[in-house]
Amino acid sequence: MKRMLKGWYFMRIIRLLIGLYFCWEAVTAREWPLGLAGLLITWMALSDTGCCGAKGCRNIKTT
């Protein structure tokens, strides 16, 4: 629960807004695939995960 409430940065807020927008559009257009995509993006923002896992892309060190 702490992860959902702390550490909100710009891209996480944008991801949440995009996910909510997709969900809204899916309801108004009655398109369930768009709704699934919206739910996925919204969940990624709330749980602070992405394609690389929880903050995985930030921890990559190049040598």
Protein backbone atom coordinates (compact mmCIF):
# COMPACT_ATOMS: atom_id res chain seq x y z
CA MET A 1 0.00 0.00 0.00
CA LYS A 2 2.90 2.36 0.68
CA ARG A 3 4.12 1.91 -2.89
CA MET A 4 0.76 3.14 -4.19
CA LEU A 5 0.82 6.28 -2.07
CA LYS A 6 4.47 7.35 -2.21
CA GLY A 7 6.93 8.16 -4.95
CA TRP A 8 4.64 9.77 -7.52
CA TYR A 9 6.77 11.18 -10.33
CA PHE A 10 5.81 12.82 -13.62
CA MET A 11 5.67 9.72 -15.85
CA ARG A 12 3.69 7.78 -13.26
CA ILE A 13 1.04 10.52 -13.16
CA ILE A 14 0.93 10.63 -16.97
CA ARG A 15 0.54 6.83 -17.09
CA LEU A 16 -2.35 7.04 -14.63
CA LEU A 17 -4.08 9.76 -16.63
CA ILE A 18 -3.68 7.85 -19.90
CA GLY A 19 -5.01 4.66 -18.31
CA LEU A 20 -8.04 6.44 -16.87
CA TYR A 21 -8.68 8.12 -20.22
CA PHE A 22 -8.58 4.74 -22.00
CA CYS A 23 -11.02 3.32 -19.45
CA TRP A 24 -13.38 6.26 -19.94
CA GLU A 25 -13.24 5.94 -23.72
CA ALA A 26 -13.83 2.19 -23.50
CA VAL A 27 -16.99 2.72 -21.47
CA THR A 28 -18.37 5.40 -23.77
CA ALA A 29 -17.47 3.50 -26.97
CA ARG A 30 -18.34 0.05 -25.52
CA GLU A 31 -14.99 -1.37 -26.61
CA TRP A 32 -13.81 -3.94 -24.08
CA PRO A 33 -10.28 -4.44 -25.55
CA LEU A 34 -9.59 -0.75 -25.00
CA GLY A 35 -10.92 -1.13 -21.46
CA LEU A 36 -8.50 -3.96 -20.77
CA ALA A 37 -5.62 -1.84 -22.03
CA GLY A 38 -6.80 1.03 -19.85
CA LEU A 39 -7.01 -1.20 -16.80
CA LEU A 40 -3.52 -2.55 -17.47
CA ILE A 41 -2.01 0.92 -17.81
CA THR A 42 -3.87 2.15 -14.73
CA TRP A 43 -2.66 -0.83 -12.72
CA MET A 44 0.91 -0.22 -13.87
CA ALA A 45 0.67 3.35 -12.60
CA LEU A 46 -0.89 2.40 -9.26
CA SER A 47 1.53 -0.44 -8.56
CA ASP A 48 4.53 1.51 -9.92
CA THR A 49 5.54 -1.25 -12.31
CA GLY A 50 6.34 -1.20 -15.98
CA CYS A 51 7.92 -3.23 -18.70
CA CYS A 52 11.05 -3.83 -16.62
CA GLY A 53 9.36 -4.41 -13.25
CA ALA A 54 9.32 -2.14 -10.24
CA LYS A 55 11.87 0.57 -11.04
CA GLY A 56 13.89 -1.99 -12.99
CA CYS A 57 14.79 0.31 -15.86
CA ARG A 58 16.31 2.88 -13.51
CA ASN A 59 18.70 0.41 -11.92
CA ILE A 60 20.43 -0.64 -15.14
CA LYS A 61 24.12 0.30 -15.04
CA THR A 62 26.08 0.47 -18.24
CA THR A 63 29.80 -0.14 -18.20
